[in-house]
Amino acid sequence: MTLAAQADLTHTFITDIEGGKKWVSAKTISRLAEALQVEPYQFFLPDIAADEGSSTIFTAYMDDFTDNLQKMVGELKHHYLPDMDKGK
């Protein structure tokens, strides 16, 4: 059975995704992940990380993302809500 059939997508759609002609929705990513028996987040990791150690790398990415997001929120809070900083 082909990937397209397993994911309930057309062969043309798969080809267009591969060629960068189509954007995929979360639902399509989920279908493809299920068909390939991987976790959806693995599509967004570098190829070298797509092994049994990928969860460790994903955790590191998420930690870095969380740190950067917290920093950004703090900076926005300081900029737009400076009175909230006075309570510190």
C-alpha atoms as a PDB file:
ATOM      1  CA  MET A   1       0.000   0.000   0.000  1.00  0.00           C
ATOM      2  CA  THR A   2       1.332   3.461  -0.840  1.00  0.00           C
ATOM      3  CA  LEU A   3       1.793   6.325   1.592  1.00  0.00           C
ATOM      4  CA  ALA A   4      -0.981   8.249  -0.139  1.00  0.00           C
ATOM      5  CA  ALA A   5      -3.417   5.381   0.344  1.00  0.00           C
ATOM      6  CA  GLN A   6      -2.373   4.788   3.954  1.00  0.00           C
ATOM      7  CA  ALA A   7      -2.835   8.490   4.775  1.00  0.00           C
ATOM      8  CA  ASP A   8      -6.080   8.713   2.747  1.00  0.00           C
ATOM      9  CA  LEU A   9      -4.545  11.350   0.468  1.00  0.00           C
ATOM     10  CA  THR A  10      -4.011  11.474  -3.274  1.00  0.00           C
ATOM     11  CA  HIS A  11      -0.680  10.705  -4.894  1.00  0.00           C
ATOM     12  CA  THR A  12      -0.784  14.153  -6.524  1.00  0.00           C
ATOM     13  CA  PHE A  13      -1.244  15.820  -3.149  1.00  0.00           C
ATOM     14  CA  ILE A  14       1.748  13.938  -1.714  1.00  0.00           C
ATOM     15  CA  THR A  15       3.838  14.965  -4.747  1.00  0.00           C
ATOM     16  CA  ASP A  16       2.762  18.600  -4.323  1.00  0.00           C
ATOM     17  CA  ILE A  17       3.715  18.512  -0.625  1.00  0.00           C
ATOM     18  CA  GLU A  18       7.134  17.101  -1.479  1.00  0.00           C
ATOM     19  CA  GLY A  19       7.596  19.749  -4.173  1.00  0.00           C
ATOM     20  CA  GLY A  20       6.632  22.580  -1.826  1.00  0.00           C
ATOM     21  CA  LYS A  21       3.527  23.403  -3.846  1.00  0.00           C
ATOM     22  CA  LYS A  22       1.032  22.600  -1.083  1.00  0.00           C
ATOM     23  CA  TRP A  23       0.858  23.607   2.569  1.00  0.00           C
ATOM     24  CA  VAL A  24      -0.248  20.895   4.964  1.00  0.00           C
ATOM     25  CA  SER A  25      -2.732  21.227   7.770  1.00  0.00           C
ATOM     26  CA  ALA A  26      -2.332  19.731  11.229  1.00  0.00           C
ATOM     27  CA  LYS A  27      -4.817  17.047  10.179  1.00  0.00           C
ATOM     28  CA  THR A  28      -2.690  16.103   7.166  1.00  0.00           C
ATOM     29  CA  ILE A  29       0.459  16.010   9.297  1.00  0.00           C
ATOM     30  CA  SER A  30      -1.357  13.722  11.714  1.00  0.00           C
ATOM     31  CA  ARG A  31      -2.468  11.414   8.881  1.00  0.00           C
ATOM     32  CA  LEU A  32       1.035  11.224   7.454  1.00  0.00           C
ATOM     33  CA  ALA A  33       2.569  10.574  10.875  1.00  0.00           C
ATOM     34  CA  GLU A  34       0.108   7.775  11.552  1.00  0.00           C
ATOM     35  CA  ALA A  35       0.756   6.223   8.151  1.00  0.00           C
ATOM     36  CA  LEU A  36       4.513   6.381   8.711  1.00  0.00           C
ATOM     37  CA  GLN A  37       4.215   5.268  12.342  1.00  0.00           C
ATOM     38  CA  VAL A  38       6.070   8.289  13.719  1.00  0.00           C
ATOM     39  CA  GLU A  39       5.168  11.165  16.000  1.00  0.00           C
ATOM     40  CA  PRO A  40       4.087  14.359  14.174  1.00  0.00           C
ATOM     41  CA  TYR A  41       6.823  16.460  15.788  1.00  0.00           C
ATOM     42  CA  GLN A  42       9.450  14.289  14.102  1.00  0.00           C
ATOM     43  CA  PHE A  43       8.682  15.950  10.765  1.00  0.00           C
ATOM     44  CA  PHE A  44      10.118  19.163  12.176  1.00  0.00           C
ATOM     45  CA  LEU A  45      13.399  17.784  13.510  1.00  0.00           C
ATOM     46  CA  PRO A  46      16.660  17.705  11.569  1.00  0.00           C
ATOM     47  CA  ASP A  47      17.229  14.371   9.826  1.00  0.00           C
ATOM     48  CA  ILE A  48      20.049  13.485  12.211  1.00  0.00           C
ATOM     49  CA  ALA A  49      17.607  13.641  15.122  1.00  0.00           C
ATOM     50  CA  ALA A  50      15.046  11.213  13.727  1.00  0.00           C
ATOM     51  CA  ASP A  51      16.236   8.232  15.747  1.00  0.00           C
ATOM     52  CA  GLU A  52      15.647   6.891  19.251  1.00  0.00           C
ATOM     53  CA  GLY A  53      17.335   9.969  20.688  1.00  0.00           C
ATOM     54  CA  SER A  54      14.859  12.324  19.053  1.00  0.00           C
ATOM     55  CA  SER A  55      12.795  12.716  22.214  1.00  0.00           C
ATOM     56  CA  THR A  56      15.878  14.069  24.006  1.00  0.00           C
ATOM     57  CA  ILE A  57      16.518  16.520  21.186  1.00  0.00           C
ATOM     58  CA  PHE A  58      12.838  17.496  21.087  1.00  0.00           C
ATOM     59  CA  THR A  59      12.970  18.186  24.833  1.00  0.00           C
ATOM     60  CA  ALA A  60      16.021  20.405  24.314  1.00  0.00           C
ATOM     61  CA  TYR A  61      14.222  22.299  21.525  1.00  0.00           C
ATOM     62  CA  MET A  62      11.174  22.761  23.730  1.00  0.00           C
ATOM     63  CA  ASP A  63      13.283  23.940  26.677  1.00  0.00           C
ATOM     64  CA  ASP A  64      15.011  26.489  24.442  1.00  0.00           C
ATOM     65  CA  PHE A  65      11.670  27.568  22.965  1.00  0.00           C
ATOM     66  CA  THR A  66      10.173  27.956  26.458  1.00  0.00           C
ATOM     67  CA  ASP A  67      13.138  30.010  27.673  1.00  0.00           C
ATOM     68  CA  ASN A  68      12.947  32.309  24.648  1.00  0.00           C
ATOM     69  CA  LEU A  69       9.182  32.672  24.956  1.00  0.00           C
ATOM     70  CA  GLN A  70       9.437  33.569  28.646  1.00  0.00           C
ATOM     71  CA  LYS A  71      12.125  36.151  27.853  1.00  0.00           C
ATOM     72  CA  MET A  72       9.999  37.649  25.084  1.00  0.00           C
ATOM     73  CA  VAL A  73       6.909  37.833  27.320  1.00  0.00           C
ATOM     74  CA  GLY A  74       8.991  39.480  30.052  1.00  0.00           C
ATOM     75  CA  GLU A  75      10.313  42.074  27.629  1.00  0.00           C
ATOM     76  CA  LEU A  76       6.819  42.809  26.285  1.00  0.00           C
ATOM     77  CA  LYS A  77       5.450  43.042  29.824  1.00  0.00           C
ATOM     78  CA  HIS A  78       8.229  45.442  30.811  1.00  0.00           C
ATOM     79  CA  HIS A  79       7.636  47.551  27.709  1.00  0.00           C
ATOM     80  CA  TYR A  80       3.834  47.653  27.701  1.00  0.00           C
ATOM     81  CA  LEU A  81       3.060  47.178  31.401  1.00  0.00           C
ATOM     82  CA  PRO A  82       5.893  48.913  33.248  1.00  0.00           C
ATOM     83  CA  ASP A  83       3.751  49.465  36.356  1.00  0.00           C
ATOM     84  CA  MET A  84       3.658  45.696  36.929  1.00  0.00           C
ATOM     85  CA  ASP A  85       7.464  45.686  37.366  1.00  0.00           C
ATOM     86  CA  LYS A  86       7.273  48.135  40.287  1.00  0.00           C
ATOM     87  CA  GLY A  87       5.846  45.462  42.587  1.00  0.00           C
ATOM     88  CA  LYS A  88       9.092  43.470  42.462  1.00  0.00           C
END
